Protein backbone atom coordinates (compact mmCIF):
# COMPACT_ATOMS: atom_id res chain seq x y z
CA MET A 1 -9.22 29.34 14.53
CA ALA A 2 -10.59 27.34 17.70
CA ASP A 3 -9.52 23.96 18.02
CA PHE A 4 -8.33 23.61 13.99
CA LEU A 5 -6.91 20.40 14.66
CA GLN A 6 -10.81 18.68 15.23
CA VAL A 7 -9.46 16.34 17.79
CA THR A 8 -11.44 17.68 20.86
CA GLY A 9 -13.51 14.89 22.55
CA LYS A 10 -12.33 12.40 20.33
CA THR A 11 -10.71 9.27 21.99
CA PHE A 12 -7.00 7.54 20.91
CA VAL A 13 -5.24 4.73 21.97
CA VAL A 14 -1.91 5.15 22.04
CA PHE A 15 0.46 2.02 22.06
CA GLY A 16 4.48 2.19 23.10
CA VAL A 17 4.52 4.87 26.27
CA ALA A 18 8.02 3.60 27.69
CA ASN A 19 9.00 7.07 29.88
CA ARG A 20 9.07 10.73 29.19
CA LYS A 21 11.54 10.32 25.65
CA SER A 22 9.30 8.05 23.91
CA VAL A 23 7.26 9.06 20.57
CA ALA A 24 4.29 8.05 21.97
CA TRP A 25 3.68 9.84 24.68
CA HIS A 26 4.46 12.56 23.18
CA ILE A 27 1.67 11.94 20.38
CA ALA A 28 -0.32 11.22 23.79
CA LYS A 29 0.79 14.28 25.81
CA THR A 30 0.03 16.66 22.28
CA LEU A 31 -3.25 15.12 21.54
CA GLU A 32 -4.38 16.02 25.70
CA GLU A 33 -3.50 19.53 25.26
CA GLN A 34 -5.71 19.64 22.44
CA GLY A 35 -8.53 17.66 23.83
CA ALA A 36 -8.30 13.90 22.73
CA THR A 37 -8.86 11.37 25.41
CA VAL A 38 -5.80 8.87 24.98
CA ILE A 39 -6.49 5.34 26.21
CA TYR A 40 -2.46 4.62 26.82
CA SER A 41 -1.48 0.70 26.01
CA VAL A 42 1.84 -0.74 28.18
CA ARG A 43 3.72 -4.11 27.08
CA SER A 44 3.47 -5.74 30.56
CA GLU A 45 2.58 -4.58 34.32
CA ALA A 46 5.99 -3.91 34.96
CA ARG A 47 5.85 -0.94 32.53
CA ARG A 48 2.04 -0.25 34.20
CA LYS A 49 3.98 0.16 37.34
CA SER A 50 6.94 1.75 36.05
CA LEU A 51 4.55 4.17 34.32
CA GLU A 52 2.34 5.03 37.34
CA THR A 53 3.22 8.58 38.22
CA LEU A 54 3.69 9.65 34.20
CA LEU A 55 0.20 7.89 34.13
CA ALA A 56 -1.89 8.56 37.02
CA GLY A 57 -5.54 9.20 36.21
CA LYS A 58 -5.35 7.77 32.80
CA PRO A 59 -6.73 4.94 31.78
CA VAL A 60 -4.37 2.13 31.18
CA PHE A 61 -4.50 -1.98 29.49
CA ILE A 62 -1.84 -4.07 29.22
CA CYS A 63 -1.34 -5.74 25.55
CA ASP A 64 2.24 -7.23 24.37
CA VAL A 65 1.62 -7.64 21.01
CA GLU A 66 4.80 -10.45 20.40
CA HIS A 67 1.84 -12.75 22.27
CA GLU A 68 -1.00 -13.61 19.30
CA GLY A 69 -4.39 -13.47 20.13
CA ALA A 70 -3.26 -9.70 22.90
CA ALA A 71 -4.48 -7.32 20.59
CA GLU A 72 -8.30 -9.31 20.66
CA ARG A 73 -8.12 -9.12 23.57
CA LEU A 74 -7.34 -5.50 24.28
CA ALA A 75 -9.97 -4.90 22.01
CA GLY A 76 -12.47 -6.51 23.72
CA GLU A 77 -11.38 -5.16 26.94
CA ILE A 78 -10.57 -1.36 26.09
CA ALA A 79 -14.96 -2.49 24.10
CA ALA A 80 -15.55 -3.48 27.61
CA ALA A 81 -14.70 -0.66 29.35
CA GLY A 82 -17.15 1.97 28.03
CA HIS A 83 -14.89 4.35 25.77
CA GLY A 84 -17.32 4.51 22.89
CA ALA A 85 -16.21 4.54 19.02
CA LEU A 86 -12.75 5.46 18.50
CA SER A 87 -11.23 8.07 16.39
CA GLY A 88 -7.63 6.54 16.11
CA LEU A 89 -4.46 4.38 17.17
CA VAL A 90 -0.64 5.36 17.50
CA HIS A 91 1.03 2.13 16.63
CA SER A 92 4.78 3.37 17.89
CA ILE A 93 5.51 -0.21 18.31
CA ALA A 94 9.75 -1.41 17.71
CA PHE A 95 11.74 -4.13 18.86
CA ALA A 96 15.02 -5.70 18.10
CA ASN A 97 17.52 -8.21 20.38
CA TYR A 98 20.53 -6.17 19.97
CA ALA A 99 21.94 -8.26 23.44
CA GLU A 100 24.89 -9.23 20.66
CA GLY A 101 26.34 -6.35 19.72
CA PHE A 102 26.61 -4.76 16.25
CA LYS A 103 26.87 -8.36 13.47
CA ALA A 104 26.67 -7.94 10.01
CA PHE A 105 23.56 -8.30 8.22
CA TYR A 106 23.95 -11.64 6.53
CA GLU A 107 24.56 -13.11 10.21
CA THR A 108 21.14 -11.70 11.06
CA LYS A 109 19.28 -15.26 12.99
CA ARG A 110 15.75 -16.48 11.90
CA ALA A 111 14.35 -16.12 15.34
CA ASP A 112 15.55 -12.56 16.28
CA PHE A 113 14.28 -11.80 12.91
CA LEU A 114 10.81 -13.23 13.15
CA GLN A 115 10.53 -11.64 16.42
CA ALA A 116 11.06 -8.05 15.45
CA THR A 117 9.07 -8.06 12.47
CA ALA A 118 6.23 -9.72 14.84
CA ILE A 119 6.58 -6.66 17.16
CA SER A 120 7.59 -4.30 14.89
CA ALA A 121 4.89 -5.03 11.89
CA PHE A 122 2.35 -7.73 11.92
CA SER A 123 1.45 -6.14 15.35
CA LEU A 124 0.17 -2.95 13.41
CA VAL A 125 -1.99 -6.02 10.89
CA GLU A 126 -3.03 -7.28 13.67
CA LEU A 127 -4.07 -4.53 16.57
CA ALA A 128 -5.85 -2.96 12.55
CA LYS A 129 -8.04 -6.54 12.41
CA ALA A 130 -8.83 -6.35 16.24
CA PHE A 131 -9.64 -2.94 16.28
CA LYS A 132 -11.69 -2.48 13.29
CA PRO A 133 -15.41 -3.06 14.51
CA HIS A 134 -14.40 0.04 17.14
CA LEU A 135 -13.44 2.69 14.84
CA ALA A 136 -14.75 5.49 13.72
CA LYS A 137 -15.41 5.39 10.22
CA ASP A 138 -13.27 8.11 9.44
CA ALA A 139 -10.72 6.92 12.03
CA SER A 140 -6.95 7.72 11.48
CA VAL A 141 -4.32 5.06 12.35
CA VAL A 142 -0.62 6.47 12.72
CA THR A 143 2.69 4.36 12.76
CA ILE A 144 6.45 5.59 13.08
CA GLY A 145 8.45 5.05 11.00
CA ILE A 146 11.99 6.09 9.21
CA SER A 147 12.78 8.38 6.93
CA SER A 148 14.81 6.96 4.32
CA LEU A 149 14.15 3.22 3.20
CA LEU A 150 16.74 3.17 0.58
CA VAL A 151 19.55 3.73 3.48
CA THR A 152 21.65 0.87 4.62
CA PRO A 153 23.55 1.43 7.89
CA ASP A 154 25.28 -1.18 9.00
CA ASN A 155 24.54 -0.90 12.94
CA TYR A 156 20.51 -0.65 11.81
CA GLY A 157 20.75 -4.10 10.63
CA TYR A 158 18.21 -6.76 10.14
CA MET A 159 15.53 -3.10 11.11
CA GLY A 160 15.54 -2.23 8.14
CA PRO A 161 14.28 -4.58 5.76
CA ILE A 162 11.56 -4.68 8.95
CA LYS A 163 10.31 -1.20 8.93
CA ALA A 164 10.16 -1.87 5.15
CA ALA A 165 7.50 -4.28 5.63
CA LEU A 166 5.46 -1.66 7.93
CA GLU A 167 5.76 0.90 5.78
CA SER A 168 4.33 -2.08 3.07
CA ALA A 169 1.68 -3.04 5.21
CA THR A 170 0.91 0.42 6.26
CA ARG A 171 -0.39 1.29 2.52
CA PHE A 172 -1.89 -2.61 2.36
CA LEU A 173 -4.33 -2.02 5.35
CA ALA A 174 -5.19 1.66 3.48
CA LYS A 175 -6.09 -0.59 0.56
CA SER A 176 -8.58 -3.32 2.40
CA PHE A 177 -10.12 -1.20 4.80
CA SER A 178 -11.19 1.40 2.14
CA ALA A 179 -13.61 -1.77 1.14
CA HIS A 180 -16.09 -0.45 3.55
CA SER A 181 -15.10 2.54 5.84
CA GLU A 182 -12.60 5.73 5.59
CA VAL A 183 -10.65 4.54 7.86
CA ARG A 184 -6.82 5.98 6.90
CA PHE A 185 -3.35 4.30 7.82
CA ASN A 186 -0.53 6.93 7.06
CA VAL A 187 3.25 7.13 8.85
CA VAL A 188 5.64 9.06 9.97
CA GLY A 189 9.26 8.57 8.31
CA ALA A 190 10.89 10.05 10.89
CA GLY A 191 14.95 10.93 11.17
CA PRO A 192 16.90 10.11 14.28
CA LEU A 193 15.59 11.14 17.97
CA LYS A 194 17.07 11.25 21.44
CA THR A 195 15.25 8.58 22.98
CA SER A 196 15.88 5.48 25.26
CA ALA A 197 14.85 2.54 22.27
CA SER A 198 17.20 4.58 19.68
CA ALA A 199 19.79 3.93 22.44
CA GLY A 200 19.56 0.77 22.17
CA ILE A 201 20.97 -0.13 19.13
CA PRO A 202 25.01 -0.42 18.80
CA GLY A 203 26.73 2.85 17.86
CA TYR A 204 23.59 5.05 17.55
CA ILE A 205 25.63 8.19 18.88
CA GLU A 206 27.55 8.39 16.43
CA SER A 207 25.16 7.66 14.11
CA TYR A 208 22.96 10.53 15.30
CA LEU A 209 25.82 12.77 16.09
CA TYR A 210 26.27 12.63 11.61
CA ALA A 211 23.29 13.00 11.27
CA GLU A 212 22.67 15.80 12.59
CA LYS A 213 25.22 17.69 10.20
CA MET A 214 23.53 16.53 7.86
CA THR A 215 20.82 18.12 8.34
CA PHE A 216 20.27 22.02 6.43
CA ARG A 217 19.63 23.15 9.87
CA LYS A 218 21.79 21.03 12.08
CA ARG A 219 20.02 20.51 14.67
CA ASN A 220 18.21 17.03 14.64
CA LEU A 221 14.50 16.66 15.49
CA SER A 222 13.38 16.53 18.28
CA THR A 223 10.81 14.00 19.25
CA GLN A 224 7.80 17.18 19.57
CA GLU A 225 8.37 17.34 15.94
CA VAL A 226 7.30 14.41 15.08
CA ALA A 227 4.70 13.56 17.71
CA ASP A 228 2.64 17.17 16.37
CA SER A 229 3.63 15.53 12.69
CA ALA A 230 1.53 12.24 13.92
CA VAL A 231 -0.99 13.82 15.75
CA PHE A 232 -1.58 16.29 12.26
CA LEU A 233 -2.44 12.28 9.84
CA LEU A 234 -4.67 10.90 13.00
CA SER A 235 -6.33 14.91 12.93
CA PRO A 236 -9.43 15.67 10.12
CA ARG A 237 -7.22 18.16 8.88
CA SER A 238 -5.40 16.00 7.48
CA SER A 239 -7.79 13.74 5.43
CA GLY A 240 -7.36 14.06 1.78
CA MET A 241 -3.53 11.69 3.19
CA ASN A 242 -3.88 7.43 3.25
CA GLY A 243 -1.31 5.17 2.77
CA THR A 244 1.53 7.77 2.35
CA THR A 245 4.56 8.01 4.42
CA LEU A 246 5.64 11.86 5.86
CA THR A 247 8.62 12.13 6.62
CA VAL A 248 9.92 14.36 9.21
CA ASP A 249 13.89 14.65 8.64
CA ALA A 250 15.01 18.19 8.71
CA GLY A 251 16.21 18.11 5.77
CA LEU A 252 18.27 14.61 6.26
CA GLY A 253 17.47 12.94 2.95
CA SER A 254 18.08 15.61 -0.10
CA ASN A 255 21.84 17.09 2.52
CA TYR A 256 24.03 14.42 0.58
CA PHE A 257 26.66 17.09 -1.04
CA ASP A 258 26.73 19.20 2.33
CA GLN A 259 29.90 21.07 1.90
CA GLU A 260 30.90 20.41 5.61
CA ILE A 261 31.07 16.24 5.48
CA ILE A 262 32.58 16.55 1.53
CA ARG A 263 35.94 18.85 4.11
CA LEU A 264 36.26 16.49 6.79
CA ALA A 265 35.03 13.40 4.87
CA MET A 266 38.13 14.59 1.83
CA LYS A 267 40.41 15.66 4.75
CA PRO A 268 43.65 13.98 4.60
CA VAL A 269 44.12 11.54 7.67
């Protein structure tokens, strides 16, 4: 069946493209392959400059969500550019200051926690409010979370609670928007990925390799697999899903008693 996803001719705003490895880039590329128009929002002029080749000929705007009022300014700029009603937003934005390396969670600095919360979680609320007048009645908003909020990896630190806040905010946005529209808000709960952002997490490579052994298939996710799930949530084909998290982890979260892992763990030192 042609155009199964029914996104051809629709327009989406994608936040968070940093390079070719970004989840946001894979989502945007897939939307365009399906006939959609993508408007790109990047953090800074320097980032836009670094993406000149990748995003040549595409509409690119700047919005640093760390700064209050940035979301409203962006919404106004995109509306003024005449792109019409928007069929969805992709929020693939996250930041944590790991410049001082690994720290125990109780050593988290207030400034670091609040900065990461503003950028990684509250920005979704601000963007939803700013773009509300410009969204189609049945638009879809998708953010990128993590596959489990119950795990407590030491090296992920305070980003665990912040991702929990992001997921909770998504549900509250879904409820509050339901009073006046059918705009949907959902999360893709992604397992570990090989992205530039992930590389900044202390000890991430070891965690990534361990997670791979925990998947059913013994192979970690590709970024495209996460992007495909996000595009499904952006499409009308997922119209029955709202305020939920679609977990994409290749079975990682259900494989606690993997025989290979058990053998390795019980092996005498």
